[in-house]
Amino acid sequence: MIKQLIAKVKENATDDWNLVAGLEIAVIELQENSNEFLVLRPIQLDQMEKFFKVMHETFGKNEFYEDYDYFICYAVSEDCDDILLTITKENIEELRQVTEKDVSIHNKNLEILKKNHNWYKYKN
């Protein structure tokens, strides 16, 4: 059964996850009791900004788009199927079920992020 969860990245995380230590990110558990989770994005706006900035600096501007706004708009679009991040349980210190409040906060903040980075300019 697929589960959507919120995971907090450990302070002493490995595999570049230490660059976003402390962030709470939405993840998907594809198989029950899996050691690995598919990463969506943080739900808080400031954490989204940090998360995407790190993604852009570590690989995004070299492998995708140098323009930061365009990279963000691509990364959050439904067309983006080639940026798939995973995180292991070893890099997580807290894991909890997603609540309706989390979904509402995420959706609101995602719209603000899109607006802040010219989503409607790049979408068309």
C-alpha atoms as a PDB file:
ATOM      1  CA  MET A   1       0.000   0.000   0.000  1.00  0.00           C
ATOM      2  CA  ILE A   2       1.344   3.418  -0.974  1.00  0.00           C
ATOM      3  CA  LYS A   3       1.563   5.893   1.922  1.00  0.00           C
ATOM      4  CA  GLN A   4       2.254   9.603   1.917  1.00  0.00           C
ATOM      5  CA  LEU A   5       4.295  10.621   4.962  1.00  0.00           C
ATOM      6  CA  ILE A   6       6.229  13.539   6.430  1.00  0.00           C
ATOM      7  CA  ALA A   7       9.888  12.834   7.203  1.00  0.00           C
ATOM      8  CA  LYS A   8      12.393  15.017   9.054  1.00  0.00           C
ATOM      9  CA  VAL A   9      15.913  14.871   7.626  1.00  0.00           C
ATOM     10  CA  LYS A  10      18.516  13.965  10.287  1.00  0.00           C
ATOM     11  CA  GLU A  11      21.114  16.519  11.315  1.00  0.00           C
ATOM     12  CA  ASN A  12      23.900  14.008  10.569  1.00  0.00           C
ATOM     13  CA  ALA A  13      22.398  12.744   7.310  1.00  0.00           C
ATOM     14  CA  THR A  14      24.569  11.366   4.511  1.00  0.00           C
ATOM     15  CA  ASP A  15      24.491  11.424   0.700  1.00  0.00           C
ATOM     16  CA  ASP A  16      24.045  15.223   0.439  1.00  0.00           C
ATOM     17  CA  TRP A  17      20.925  15.058   2.629  1.00  0.00           C
ATOM     18  CA  ASN A  18      23.013  16.794   5.311  1.00  0.00           C
ATOM     19  CA  LEU A  19      22.666  19.938   3.149  1.00  0.00           C
ATOM     20  CA  VAL A  20      18.946  20.031   4.011  1.00  0.00           C
ATOM     21  CA  ALA A  21      19.184  18.611   7.530  1.00  0.00           C
ATOM     22  CA  GLY A  22      16.241  19.517   9.736  1.00  0.00           C
ATOM     23  CA  LEU A  23      13.778  19.987   6.879  1.00  0.00           C
ATOM     24  CA  GLU A  24      10.426  18.228   7.016  1.00  0.00           C
ATOM     25  CA  ILE A  25       9.734  16.754   3.597  1.00  0.00           C
ATOM     26  CA  ALA A  26       6.763  14.972   2.109  1.00  0.00           C
ATOM     27  CA  VAL A  27       7.722  11.467   1.019  1.00  0.00           C
ATOM     28  CA  ILE A  28       5.999   8.439  -0.429  1.00  0.00           C
ATOM     29  CA  GLU A  29       6.465   4.918   0.874  1.00  0.00           C
ATOM     30  CA  LEU A  30       5.902   2.710  -2.161  1.00  0.00           C
ATOM     31  CA  GLN A  31       6.169  -0.586  -0.268  1.00  0.00           C
ATOM     32  CA  GLU A  32       5.294  -1.223   3.335  1.00  0.00           C
ATOM     33  CA  ASN A  33       8.335  -1.354   5.653  1.00  0.00           C
ATOM     34  CA  SER A  34      10.563  -0.088   2.868  1.00  0.00           C
ATOM     35  CA  ASN A  35      13.980   1.335   3.673  1.00  0.00           C
ATOM     36  CA  GLU A  36      13.693   3.920   0.899  1.00  0.00           C
ATOM     37  CA  PHE A  37      11.175   6.689   0.248  1.00  0.00           C
ATOM     38  CA  LEU A  38      10.406   8.746  -2.845  1.00  0.00           C
ATOM     39  CA  VAL A  39      10.876  12.445  -2.021  1.00  0.00           C
ATOM     40  CA  LEU A  40       8.256  14.999  -3.032  1.00  0.00           C
ATOM     41  CA  ARG A  41       9.188  18.319  -1.395  1.00  0.00           C
ATOM     42  CA  PRO A  42       8.914  20.184   1.916  1.00  0.00           C
ATOM     43  CA  ILE A  43       5.524  21.578   2.870  1.00  0.00           C
ATOM     44  CA  GLN A  44       6.710  24.862   4.438  1.00  0.00           C
ATOM     45  CA  LEU A  45       7.566  27.716   2.044  1.00  0.00           C
ATOM     46  CA  ASP A  46      10.947  28.607   3.578  1.00  0.00           C
ATOM     47  CA  GLN A  47      11.918  24.933   3.538  1.00  0.00           C
ATOM     48  CA  MET A  48      10.799  24.598  -0.097  1.00  0.00           C
ATOM     49  CA  GLU A  49      13.069  27.508  -1.001  1.00  0.00           C
ATOM     50  CA  LYS A  50      16.045  25.968   0.800  1.00  0.00           C
ATOM     51  CA  PHE A  51      15.365  22.519  -0.682  1.00  0.00           C
ATOM     52  CA  PHE A  52      15.167  23.771  -4.268  1.00  0.00           C
ATOM     53  CA  LYS A  53      18.171  26.078  -3.823  1.00  0.00           C
ATOM     54  CA  VAL A  54      20.276  23.094  -2.706  1.00  0.00           C
ATOM     55  CA  MET A  55      18.933  20.988  -5.588  1.00  0.00           C
ATOM     56  CA  HIS A  56      19.783  23.731  -8.059  1.00  0.00           C
ATOM     57  CA  GLU A  57      23.280  24.272  -6.656  1.00  0.00           C
ATOM     58  CA  THR A  58      24.204  20.584  -6.364  1.00  0.00           C
ATOM     59  CA  PHE A  59      22.942  19.325  -9.715  1.00  0.00           C
ATOM     60  CA  GLY A  60      20.088  21.368 -11.172  1.00  0.00           C
ATOM     61  CA  LYS A  61      21.963  24.144 -12.905  1.00  0.00           C
ATOM     62  CA  ASN A  62      24.420  21.733 -14.527  1.00  0.00           C
ATOM     63  CA  GLU A  63      22.020  18.961 -15.507  1.00  0.00           C
ATOM     64  CA  PHE A  64      18.813  20.915 -16.148  1.00  0.00           C
ATOM     65  CA  TYR A  65      18.508  24.713 -16.161  1.00  0.00           C
ATOM     66  CA  GLU A  66      20.914  27.409 -15.059  1.00  0.00           C
ATOM     67  CA  ASP A  67      18.029  29.841 -14.544  1.00  0.00           C
ATOM     68  CA  TYR A  68      16.910  29.215 -10.946  1.00  0.00           C
ATOM     69  CA  ASP A  69      13.304  30.329 -11.452  1.00  0.00           C
ATOM     70  CA  TYR A  70      12.937  28.146 -14.522  1.00  0.00           C
ATOM     71  CA  PHE A  71      14.477  25.190 -12.672  1.00  0.00           C
ATOM     72  CA  ILE A  72      11.971  25.525  -9.818  1.00  0.00           C
ATOM     73  CA  CYS A  73       9.051  25.821 -12.210  1.00  0.00           C
ATOM     74  CA  TYR A  74      10.216  22.716 -14.039  1.00  0.00           C
ATOM     75  CA  ALA A  75      10.886  20.763 -10.815  1.00  0.00           C
ATOM     76  CA  VAL A  76       7.360  21.353  -9.479  1.00  0.00           C
ATOM     77  CA  SER A  77       5.573  20.819 -12.791  1.00  0.00           C
ATOM     78  CA  GLU A  78       3.663  17.710 -13.783  1.00  0.00           C
ATOM     79  CA  ASP A  79       6.017  17.461 -16.771  1.00  0.00           C
ATOM     80  CA  CYS A  80       9.003  16.810 -14.529  1.00  0.00           C
ATOM     81  CA  ASP A  81       9.592  13.081 -14.564  1.00  0.00           C
ATOM     82  CA  ASP A  82      13.373  13.000 -14.578  1.00  0.00           C
ATOM     83  CA  ILE A  83      14.118  14.423 -11.121  1.00  0.00           C
ATOM     84  CA  LEU A  84      13.400  11.520  -8.810  1.00  0.00           C
ATOM     85  CA  LEU A  85      14.973  11.760  -5.384  1.00  0.00           C
ATOM     86  CA  THR A  86      14.941   9.070  -2.741  1.00  0.00           C
ATOM     87  CA  ILE A  87      15.914   9.109   0.909  1.00  0.00           C
ATOM     88  CA  THR A  88      16.656   6.145   3.160  1.00  0.00           C
ATOM     89  CA  LYS A  89      15.391   5.556   6.699  1.00  0.00           C
ATOM     90  CA  GLU A  90      18.954   6.071   7.948  1.00  0.00           C
ATOM     91  CA  ASN A  91      18.692   9.734   6.936  1.00  0.00           C
ATOM     92  CA  ILE A  92      15.347  10.316   8.674  1.00  0.00           C
ATOM     93  CA  GLU A  93      14.827  10.993  12.371  1.00  0.00           C
ATOM     94  CA  GLU A  94      11.057  11.405  12.425  1.00  0.00           C
ATOM     95  CA  LEU A  95       8.372   9.887  10.255  1.00  0.00           C
ATOM     96  CA  ARG A  96       4.648  10.573  10.561  1.00  0.00           C
ATOM     97  CA  GLN A  97       1.414  10.340   8.611  1.00  0.00           C
ATOM     98  CA  VAL A  98       0.401  13.296   6.460  1.00  0.00           C
ATOM     99  CA  THR A  99      -2.588  15.196   7.831  1.00  0.00           C
ATOM    100  CA  GLU A 100      -5.194  17.231   5.966  1.00  0.00           C
ATOM    101  CA  LYS A 101      -3.616  20.318   7.544  1.00  0.00           C
ATOM    102  CA  ASP A 102      -0.226  19.326   6.018  1.00  0.00           C
ATOM    103  CA  VAL A 103      -1.840  18.992   2.584  1.00  0.00           C
ATOM    104  CA  SER A 104      -3.525  22.385   2.924  1.00  0.00           C
ATOM    105  CA  ILE A 105      -0.277  24.058   4.049  1.00  0.00           C
ATOM    106  CA  HIS A 106       1.642  22.411   1.211  1.00  0.00           C
ATOM    107  CA  ASN A 107      -0.849  23.401  -1.476  1.00  0.00           C
ATOM    108  CA  LYS A 108      -0.993  27.015  -0.277  1.00  0.00           C
ATOM    109  CA  ASN A 109       2.801  27.275  -0.087  1.00  0.00           C
ATOM    110  CA  LEU A 110       3.313  25.598  -3.453  1.00  0.00           C
ATOM    111  CA  GLU A 111       1.109  28.240  -5.087  1.00  0.00           C
ATOM    112  CA  ILE A 112       3.135  30.995  -3.386  1.00  0.00           C
ATOM    113  CA  LEU A 113       6.393  29.351  -4.525  1.00  0.00           C
ATOM    114  CA  LYS A 114       5.124  29.176  -8.099  1.00  0.00           C
ATOM    115  CA  LYS A 115       4.095  32.836  -8.013  1.00  0.00           C
ATOM    116  CA  ASN A 116       7.423  33.894  -6.477  1.00  0.00           C
ATOM    117  CA  HIS A 117       9.316  32.145  -9.268  1.00  0.00           C
ATOM    118  CA  ASN A 118       7.236  33.269 -12.250  1.00  0.00           C
ATOM    119  CA  TRP A 119       5.392  29.975 -12.785  1.00  0.00           C
ATOM    120  CA  TYR A 120       2.843  31.537 -15.117  1.00  0.00           C
ATOM    121  CA  LYS A 121       5.575  33.096 -17.268  1.00  0.00           C
ATOM    122  CA  TYR A 122       7.389  29.764 -17.699  1.00  0.00           C
ATOM    123  CA  LYS A 123       4.325  27.522 -17.799  1.00  0.00           C
ATOM    124  CA  ASN A 124       3.263  28.792 -21.203  1.00  0.00           C
END
